[in-house]
Amino acid sequence: MNGGREGETREMRADRNFMELLQGARVAVTGVQVLFAFLLTVPFSAAFPRLATLDRWLYFTALVAAAVASVCYIAPAAQHRVVFRRGLKETLVRRANLYAIAGALALLVSMTAATALVVKYLFGGWTAVVTAGAVALLGLWTWFGQAFMMRRQGP
């Protein structure tokens, strides 16, 4: 059946897959929006002008990665409006899946950089490196590593 359900046409499968992708994006986009909104307010805090160059780069990385994640997670819904009723749902589903993966990677980069910045401010360099590294590894493993292992093992 090529990943479909009994009696499901290609069009029905594409519709179902697109809705499943959008549901997953709804979960992630809320976190992205909260993080992005918070990051947009940081430069207006009193301590921001005193940040060292490395801290500014960590902030910049977190901010831009959160913006990229937002773009990636919103893209499928925006594109759906543009190609509505054009018979391109399967293409849109494949593209939305890639955007979701890219959005998750960008979100992980943003979370890691933001964590490093805050922990560096609180405790110093090595604690920040270890903590941010742990966040990055945990995200890579739980979001991607386990899933890729499952894919290799098959259904």
N, C-alpha and C. Protein backbone atom coordinates (compact mmCIF):
# COMPACT_ATOMS: atom_id res chain seq x y z
N MET A 1 0.81 -1.20 0.00
CA MET A 1 0.00 0.00 0.00
C MET A 1 0.86 1.26 0.00
N ASN A 2 2.17 1.12 0.13
CA ASN A 2 3.06 2.27 0.06
C ASN A 2 2.76 3.32 1.12
N GLY A 3 2.55 2.86 2.35
CA GLY A 3 2.35 3.80 3.45
C GLY A 3 0.93 4.30 3.60
N GLY A 4 0.01 3.80 2.80
CA GLY A 4 -1.37 4.27 2.88
C GLY A 4 -2.22 3.37 3.74
N ARG A 5 -3.45 3.78 3.93
CA ARG A 5 -4.42 2.99 4.67
C ARG A 5 -5.34 2.29 3.68
N GLU A 6 -5.99 1.24 4.13
CA GLU A 6 -6.89 0.48 3.27
C GLU A 6 -7.95 1.39 2.67
N GLY A 7 -8.09 1.33 1.34
CA GLY A 7 -9.10 2.12 0.64
C GLY A 7 -8.74 3.60 0.49
N GLU A 8 -7.53 3.97 0.84
CA GLU A 8 -7.12 5.37 0.78
C GLU A 8 -6.48 5.66 -0.58
N THR A 9 -6.96 6.69 -1.25
CA THR A 9 -6.38 7.09 -2.53
C THR A 9 -5.11 7.91 -2.28
N ARG A 10 -4.34 8.16 -3.33
CA ARG A 10 -3.13 8.99 -3.20
C ARG A 10 -3.49 10.38 -2.68
N GLU A 11 -4.59 10.92 -3.19
CA GLU A 11 -5.01 12.26 -2.76
C GLU A 11 -5.41 12.26 -1.29
N MET A 12 -6.12 11.22 -0.88
CA MET A 12 -6.53 11.12 0.53
C MET A 12 -5.31 10.99 1.43
N ARG A 13 -4.34 10.18 1.00
CA ARG A 13 -3.11 10.00 1.78
C ARG A 13 -2.34 11.32 1.87
N ALA A 14 -2.26 12.05 0.77
CA ALA A 14 -1.56 13.34 0.79
C ALA A 14 -2.26 14.31 1.74
N ASP A 15 -3.59 14.33 1.72
CA ASP A 15 -4.34 15.20 2.64
C ASP A 15 -4.07 14.81 4.09
N ARG A 16 -4.12 13.50 4.37
CA ARG A 16 -3.88 13.03 5.74
C ARG A 16 -2.46 13.35 6.18
N ASN A 17 -1.50 13.09 5.31
CA ASN A 17 -0.10 13.38 5.65
C ASN A 17 0.12 14.86 5.90
N PHE A 18 -0.50 15.71 5.09
CA PHE A 18 -0.34 17.15 5.27
C PHE A 18 -0.94 17.58 6.61
N MET A 19 -2.09 17.05 6.95
CA MET A 19 -2.72 17.40 8.24
C MET A 19 -1.86 16.91 9.41
N GLU A 20 -1.26 15.73 9.29
CA GLU A 20 -0.38 15.23 10.34
C GLU A 20 0.85 16.13 10.49
N LEU A 21 1.41 16.58 9.38
CA LEU A 21 2.55 17.50 9.43
C LEU A 21 2.17 18.82 10.09
N LEU A 22 1.01 19.35 9.74
CA LEU A 22 0.57 20.61 10.35
C LEU A 22 0.32 20.45 11.84
N GLN A 23 -0.22 19.31 12.26
CA GLN A 23 -0.42 19.08 13.70
C GLN A 23 0.91 19.07 14.44
N GLY A 24 1.90 18.42 13.88
CA GLY A 24 3.22 18.42 14.49
C GLY A 24 3.83 19.80 14.54
N ALA A 25 3.64 20.57 13.48
CA ALA A 25 4.17 21.93 13.43
C ALA A 25 3.49 22.81 14.48
N ARG A 26 2.22 22.59 14.73
CA ARG A 26 1.51 23.39 15.75
C ARG A 26 2.15 23.24 17.12
N VAL A 27 2.60 22.06 17.43
CA VAL A 27 3.26 21.82 18.71
C VAL A 27 4.56 22.61 18.77
N ALA A 28 5.36 22.49 17.73
CA ALA A 28 6.68 23.12 17.73
C ALA A 28 6.61 24.63 17.58
N VAL A 29 5.68 25.12 16.77
CA VAL A 29 5.67 26.55 16.47
C VAL A 29 5.36 27.38 17.72
N THR A 30 4.60 26.83 18.65
CA THR A 30 4.32 27.56 19.89
C THR A 30 5.61 27.80 20.66
N GLY A 31 6.43 26.77 20.79
CA GLY A 31 7.71 26.93 21.46
C GLY A 31 8.63 27.89 20.73
N VAL A 32 8.64 27.81 19.42
CA VAL A 32 9.47 28.70 18.61
C VAL A 32 9.03 30.15 18.81
N GLN A 33 7.72 30.38 18.78
CA GLN A 33 7.21 31.74 18.92
C GLN A 33 7.52 32.34 20.29
N VAL A 34 7.40 31.53 21.34
CA VAL A 34 7.72 32.01 22.69
C VAL A 34 9.21 32.35 22.79
N LEU A 35 10.06 31.44 22.32
CA LEU A 35 11.50 31.69 22.35
C LEU A 35 11.87 32.91 21.52
N PHE A 36 11.33 33.01 20.32
CA PHE A 36 11.63 34.14 19.43
C PHE A 36 11.18 35.46 20.06
N ALA A 37 9.98 35.47 20.62
CA ALA A 37 9.48 36.69 21.26
C ALA A 37 10.38 37.10 22.42
N PHE A 38 10.78 36.13 23.22
CA PHE A 38 11.67 36.44 24.34
C PHE A 38 12.99 37.00 23.82
N LEU A 39 13.55 36.37 22.81
CA LEU A 39 14.83 36.82 22.27
C LEU A 39 14.74 38.24 21.68
N LEU A 40 13.59 38.58 21.14
CA LEU A 40 13.42 39.93 20.59
C LEU A 40 13.45 41.01 21.68
N THR A 41 13.15 40.64 22.92
CA THR A 41 13.13 41.63 24.00
C THR A 41 14.49 41.79 24.69
N VAL A 42 15.36 40.82 24.55
CA VAL A 42 16.64 40.80 25.28
C VAL A 42 17.50 42.05 25.05
N PRO A 43 17.65 42.54 23.83
CA PRO A 43 18.54 43.70 23.65
C PRO A 43 18.08 44.96 24.39
N PHE A 44 16.83 44.96 24.82
CA PHE A 44 16.31 46.14 25.51
C PHE A 44 16.49 46.06 27.03
N SER A 45 17.13 45.00 27.51
CA SER A 45 17.39 44.89 28.94
C SER A 45 18.62 45.74 29.30
N ALA A 46 18.71 46.11 30.54
CA ALA A 46 19.78 47.01 30.99
C ALA A 46 21.17 46.39 30.83
N ALA A 47 21.29 45.07 31.01
CA ALA A 47 22.60 44.42 30.98
C ALA A 47 23.11 44.13 29.57
N PHE A 48 22.25 44.20 28.58
CA PHE A 48 22.65 43.79 27.23
C PHE A 48 23.84 44.59 26.69
N PRO A 49 23.91 45.89 26.86
CA PRO A 49 25.07 46.63 26.31
C PRO A 49 26.42 46.18 26.87
N ARG A 50 26.43 45.53 28.02
CA ARG A 50 27.68 45.09 28.63
C ARG A 50 28.11 43.69 28.19
N LEU A 51 27.35 43.05 27.31
CA LEU A 51 27.70 41.70 26.87
C LEU A 51 29.02 41.71 26.10
N ALA A 52 29.79 40.68 26.33
CA ALA A 52 31.05 40.49 25.58
C ALA A 52 30.72 40.10 24.14
N THR A 53 31.72 40.17 23.28
CA THR A 53 31.53 39.86 21.86
C THR A 53 31.01 38.44 21.66
N LEU A 54 31.59 37.47 22.36
CA LEU A 54 31.12 36.09 22.23
C LEU A 54 29.66 35.97 22.63
N ASP A 55 29.26 36.65 23.70
CA ASP A 55 27.87 36.60 24.15
C ASP A 55 26.93 37.20 23.11
N ARG A 56 27.37 38.25 22.47
CA ARG A 56 26.55 38.86 21.41
C ARG A 56 26.39 37.90 20.23
N TRP A 57 27.45 37.16 19.92
CA TRP A 57 27.35 36.17 18.84
C TRP A 57 26.44 35.01 19.23
N LEU A 58 26.50 34.59 20.48
CA LEU A 58 25.56 33.55 20.95
C LEU A 58 24.12 34.05 20.83
N TYR A 59 23.90 35.30 21.24
CA TYR A 59 22.56 35.88 21.14
C TYR A 59 22.14 35.96 19.67
N PHE A 60 23.03 36.46 18.82
CA PHE A 60 22.74 36.58 17.39
C PHE A 60 22.36 35.22 16.81
N THR A 61 23.13 34.19 17.15
CA THR A 61 22.85 32.83 16.67
C THR A 61 21.48 32.35 17.13
N ALA A 62 21.18 32.56 18.41
CA ALA A 62 19.89 32.15 18.94
C ALA A 62 18.74 32.88 18.25
N LEU A 63 18.90 34.18 18.06
CA LEU A 63 17.85 34.99 17.43
C LEU A 63 17.61 34.59 15.99
N VAL A 64 18.68 34.49 15.20
CA VAL A 64 18.52 34.16 13.78
C VAL A 64 18.01 32.73 13.62
N ALA A 65 18.49 31.81 14.43
CA ALA A 65 18.01 30.42 14.34
C ALA A 65 16.53 30.33 14.70
N ALA A 66 16.07 31.11 15.69
CA ALA A 66 14.65 31.13 16.03
C ALA A 66 13.83 31.72 14.88
N ALA A 67 14.36 32.74 14.21
CA ALA A 67 13.67 33.31 13.06
C ALA A 67 13.58 32.28 11.93
N VAL A 68 14.67 31.56 11.68
CA VAL A 68 14.68 30.53 10.63
C VAL A 68 13.69 29.43 10.98
N ALA A 69 13.66 29.01 12.24
CA ALA A 69 12.70 27.99 12.65
C ALA A 69 11.26 28.47 12.42
N SER A 70 10.99 29.72 12.75
CA SER A 70 9.65 30.28 12.52
C SER A 70 9.29 30.24 11.05
N VAL A 71 10.22 30.66 10.20
CA VAL A 71 9.97 30.65 8.76
C VAL A 71 9.69 29.22 8.28
N CYS A 72 10.50 28.27 8.71
CA CYS A 72 10.33 26.88 8.27
C CYS A 72 9.00 26.29 8.71
N TYR A 73 8.59 26.57 9.95
CA TYR A 73 7.34 26.00 10.44
C TYR A 73 6.11 26.67 9.85
N ILE A 74 6.21 27.92 9.45
CA ILE A 74 5.07 28.64 8.88
C ILE A 74 4.97 28.41 7.37
N ALA A 75 6.08 28.09 6.71
CA ALA A 75 6.12 27.94 5.26
C ALA A 75 5.06 27.00 4.68
N PRO A 76 4.84 25.80 5.25
CA PRO A 76 3.85 24.91 4.63
C PRO A 76 2.44 25.51 4.58
N ALA A 77 2.04 26.18 5.64
CA ALA A 77 0.69 26.77 5.65
C ALA A 77 0.61 27.90 4.63
N ALA A 78 1.65 28.71 4.54
CA ALA A 78 1.66 29.81 3.58
C ALA A 78 1.67 29.27 2.14
N GLN A 79 2.49 28.26 1.89
CA GLN A 79 2.55 27.68 0.55
C GLN A 79 1.24 27.01 0.18
N HIS A 80 0.59 26.39 1.15
CA HIS A 80 -0.69 25.74 0.89
C HIS A 80 -1.69 26.75 0.35
N ARG A 81 -1.66 27.96 0.89
CA ARG A 81 -2.58 29.00 0.40
C ARG A 81 -2.26 29.36 -1.04
N VAL A 82 -0.99 29.40 -1.40
CA VAL A 82 -0.59 29.80 -2.74
C VAL A 82 -0.92 28.72 -3.78
N VAL A 83 -0.73 27.45 -3.43
CA VAL A 83 -0.95 26.36 -4.39
C VAL A 83 -2.30 25.67 -4.19
N PHE A 84 -3.19 26.26 -3.45
CA PHE A 84 -4.50 25.67 -3.15
C PHE A 84 -5.22 25.26 -4.43
N ARG A 85 -5.69 24.01 -4.44
CA ARG A 85 -6.46 23.43 -5.55
C ARG A 85 -5.69 23.38 -6.87
N ARG A 86 -4.39 23.20 -6.78
CA ARG A 86 -3.57 23.10 -7.99
C ARG A 86 -3.06 21.68 -8.22
N GLY A 87 -3.48 20.73 -7.38
CA GLY A 87 -3.04 19.35 -7.54
C GLY A 87 -1.60 19.10 -7.13
N LEU A 88 -1.09 19.91 -6.22
CA LEU A 88 0.31 19.82 -5.81
C LEU A 88 0.48 19.36 -4.36
N LYS A 89 -0.52 18.71 -3.81
CA LYS A 89 -0.49 18.34 -2.40
C LYS A 89 0.67 17.40 -2.07
N GLU A 90 0.94 16.41 -2.92
CA GLU A 90 2.04 15.48 -2.63
C GLU A 90 3.37 16.21 -2.60
N THR A 91 3.58 17.12 -3.53
CA THR A 91 4.81 17.92 -3.53
C THR A 91 4.88 18.78 -2.27
N LEU A 92 3.76 19.36 -1.90
CA LEU A 92 3.69 20.19 -0.70
C LEU A 92 3.98 19.37 0.56
N VAL A 93 3.50 18.14 0.61
CA VAL A 93 3.75 17.27 1.77
C VAL A 93 5.24 16.96 1.89
N ARG A 94 5.87 16.60 0.79
CA ARG A 94 7.31 16.32 0.83
C ARG A 94 8.10 17.55 1.27
N ARG A 95 7.74 18.70 0.72
CA ARG A 95 8.43 19.94 1.07
C ARG A 95 8.17 20.30 2.54
N ALA A 96 6.94 20.14 2.99
CA ALA A 96 6.59 20.46 4.38
C ALA A 96 7.38 19.58 5.35
N ASN A 97 7.59 18.33 4.97
CA ASN A 97 8.38 17.44 5.81
C ASN A 97 9.82 17.94 5.94
N LEU A 98 10.40 18.38 4.83
CA LEU A 98 11.76 18.92 4.86
C LEU A 98 11.82 20.21 5.69
N TYR A 99 10.80 21.06 5.53
CA TYR A 99 10.75 22.29 6.34
C TYR A 99 10.64 21.96 7.83
N ALA A 100 9.89 20.94 8.16
CA ALA A 100 9.74 20.56 9.57
C ALA A 100 11.07 20.09 10.16
N ILE A 101 11.82 19.33 9.39
CA ILE A 101 13.13 18.87 9.85
C ILE A 101 14.08 20.07 9.98
N ALA A 102 14.09 20.94 8.98
CA ALA A 102 14.95 22.13 9.05
C ALA A 102 14.54 23.03 10.21
N GLY A 103 13.24 23.17 10.43
CA GLY A 103 12.75 23.98 11.55
C GLY A 103 13.18 23.40 12.88
N ALA A 104 13.12 22.09 13.01
CA ALA A 104 13.55 21.45 14.26
C ALA A 104 15.04 21.66 14.49
N LEU A 105 15.83 21.53 13.44
CA LEU A 105 17.28 21.77 13.57
C LEU A 105 17.55 23.23 13.98
N ALA A 106 16.87 24.16 13.33
CA ALA A 106 17.05 25.58 13.67
C ALA A 106 16.61 25.85 15.10
N LEU A 107 15.51 25.24 15.52
CA LEU A 107 15.05 25.40 16.90
C LEU A 107 16.09 24.87 17.88
N LEU A 108 16.67 23.73 17.57
CA LEU A 108 17.69 23.16 18.44
C LEU A 108 18.91 24.07 18.52
N VAL A 109 19.32 24.65 17.41
CA VAL A 109 20.44 25.60 17.42
C VAL A 109 20.09 26.80 18.30
N SER A 110 18.89 27.33 18.15
CA SER A 110 18.47 28.49 18.94
C SER A 110 18.43 28.16 20.43
N MET A 111 17.85 27.02 20.77
CA MET A 111 17.78 26.62 22.17
C MET A 111 19.18 26.42 22.76
N THR A 112 20.05 25.81 21.99
CA THR A 112 21.42 25.56 22.46
C THR A 112 22.17 26.87 22.68
N ALA A 113 22.08 27.78 21.71
CA ALA A 113 22.78 29.06 21.85
C ALA A 113 22.20 29.88 22.99
N ALA A 114 20.88 29.90 23.13
CA ALA A 114 20.25 30.65 24.23
C ALA A 114 20.64 30.06 25.58
N THR A 115 20.67 28.74 25.66
CA THR A 115 21.09 28.08 26.90
C THR A 115 22.53 28.42 27.23
N ALA A 116 23.40 28.37 26.23
CA ALA A 116 24.81 28.71 26.45
C ALA A 116 24.95 30.14 26.94
N LEU A 117 24.21 31.06 26.36
CA LEU A 117 24.29 32.47 26.76
C LEU A 117 23.87 32.67 28.21
N VAL A 118 22.75 32.08 28.58
CA VAL A 118 22.25 32.25 29.95
C VAL A 118 23.16 31.56 30.97
N VAL A 119 23.57 30.34 30.68
CA VAL A 119 24.43 29.61 31.62
C VAL A 119 25.79 30.29 31.73
N LYS A 120 26.32 30.82 30.63
CA LYS A 120 27.58 31.55 30.69
C LYS A 120 27.44 32.78 31.59
N TYR A 121 26.33 33.46 31.48
CA TYR A 121 26.07 34.63 32.33
C TYR A 121 25.99 34.23 33.81
N LEU A 122 25.36 33.10 34.07
CA LEU A 122 25.15 32.66 35.46
C LEU A 122 26.40 32.04 36.09
N PHE A 123 27.12 31.18 35.33
CA PHE A 123 28.17 30.36 35.94
C PHE A 123 29.54 30.43 35.26
N GLY A 124 29.61 30.97 34.07
CA GLY A 124 30.90 31.03 33.40
C GLY A 124 31.00 30.08 32.23
N GLY A 125 32.17 30.11 31.59
CA GLY A 125 32.40 29.46 30.31
C GLY A 125 32.25 27.96 30.26
N TRP A 126 32.97 27.22 31.11
CA TRP A 126 32.95 25.75 30.99
C TRP A 126 31.59 25.17 31.30
N THR A 127 30.94 25.72 32.29
CA THR A 127 29.59 25.24 32.62
C THR A 127 28.65 25.47 31.44
N ALA A 128 28.81 26.60 30.79
CA ALA A 128 27.97 26.91 29.63
C ALA A 128 28.24 25.95 28.49
N VAL A 129 29.50 25.65 28.23
CA VAL A 129 29.86 24.74 27.14
C VAL A 129 29.30 23.35 27.41
N VAL A 130 29.48 22.86 28.62
CA VAL A 130 28.99 21.51 28.96
C VAL A 130 27.47 21.45 28.90
N THR A 131 26.82 22.44 29.47
CA THR A 131 25.35 22.45 29.49
C THR A 131 24.78 22.57 28.08
N ALA A 132 25.31 23.50 27.30
CA ALA A 132 24.83 23.67 25.92
C ALA A 132 25.10 22.41 25.09
N GLY A 133 26.27 21.81 25.29
CA GLY A 133 26.58 20.57 24.59
C GLY A 133 25.61 19.46 24.95
N ALA A 134 25.25 19.38 26.23
CA ALA A 134 24.28 18.37 26.67
C ALA A 134 22.91 18.61 26.06
N VAL A 135 22.49 19.87 26.00
CA VAL A 135 21.21 20.20 25.38
C VAL A 135 21.23 19.81 23.89
N ALA A 136 22.31 20.17 23.21
CA ALA A 136 22.42 19.85 21.78
C ALA A 136 22.40 18.33 21.55
N LEU A 137 23.16 17.60 22.34
CA LEU A 137 23.19 16.14 22.17
C LEU A 137 21.85 15.50 22.50
N LEU A 138 21.20 15.98 23.55
CA LEU A 138 19.88 15.44 23.91
C LEU A 138 18.89 15.70 22.79
N GLY A 139 18.89 16.92 22.26
CA GLY A 139 17.99 17.24 21.16
C GLY A 139 18.27 16.42 19.92
N LEU A 140 19.54 16.33 19.56
CA LEU A 140 19.90 15.53 18.38
C LEU A 140 19.47 14.07 18.55
N TRP A 141 19.68 13.51 19.73
CA TRP A 141 19.34 12.10 19.95
C TRP A 141 17.82 11.89 19.96
N THR A 142 17.11 12.70 20.76
CA THR A 142 15.66 12.47 20.92
C THR A 142 14.86 12.90 19.70
N TRP A 143 15.30 13.93 19.01
CA TRP A 143 14.53 14.41 17.85
C TRP A 143 14.92 13.70 16.56
N PHE A 144 16.18 13.28 16.45
CA PHE A 144 16.64 12.74 15.17
C PHE A 144 17.28 11.36 15.28
N GLY A 145 18.19 11.18 16.22
CA GLY A 145 18.94 9.93 16.31
C GLY A 145 18.06 8.71 16.45
N GLN A 146 17.14 8.74 17.40
CA GLN A 146 16.25 7.60 17.60
C GLN A 146 15.38 7.35 16.37
N ALA A 147 14.88 8.43 15.76
CA ALA A 147 14.02 8.28 14.59
C ALA A 147 14.78 7.67 13.41
N PHE A 148 16.01 8.11 13.20
CA PHE A 148 16.80 7.54 12.10
C PHE A 148 17.12 6.07 12.36
N MET A 149 17.35 5.71 13.61
CA MET A 149 17.58 4.30 13.92
C MET A 149 16.32 3.48 13.62
N MET A 150 15.17 4.02 13.97
CA MET A 150 13.90 3.33 13.67
C MET A 150 13.71 3.16 12.18
N ARG A 151 14.05 4.19 11.41
CA ARG A 151 13.91 4.11 9.95
C ARG A 151 14.78 3.00 9.38
N ARG A 152 16.00 2.89 9.89
CA ARG A 152 16.92 1.87 9.38
C ARG A 152 16.42 0.46 9.71
N GLN A 153 15.75 0.31 10.84
CA GLN A 153 15.27 -1.00 11.25
C GLN A 153 14.04 -1.41 10.46
N GLY A 154 13.32 -0.44 9.88
CA GLY A 154 12.13 -0.75 9.10
C GLY A 154 10.91 -0.85 9.99
N PRO A 155 9.75 -1.13 9.36
CA PRO A 155 8.48 -1.18 10.10
C PRO A 155 8.41 -2.36 11.07
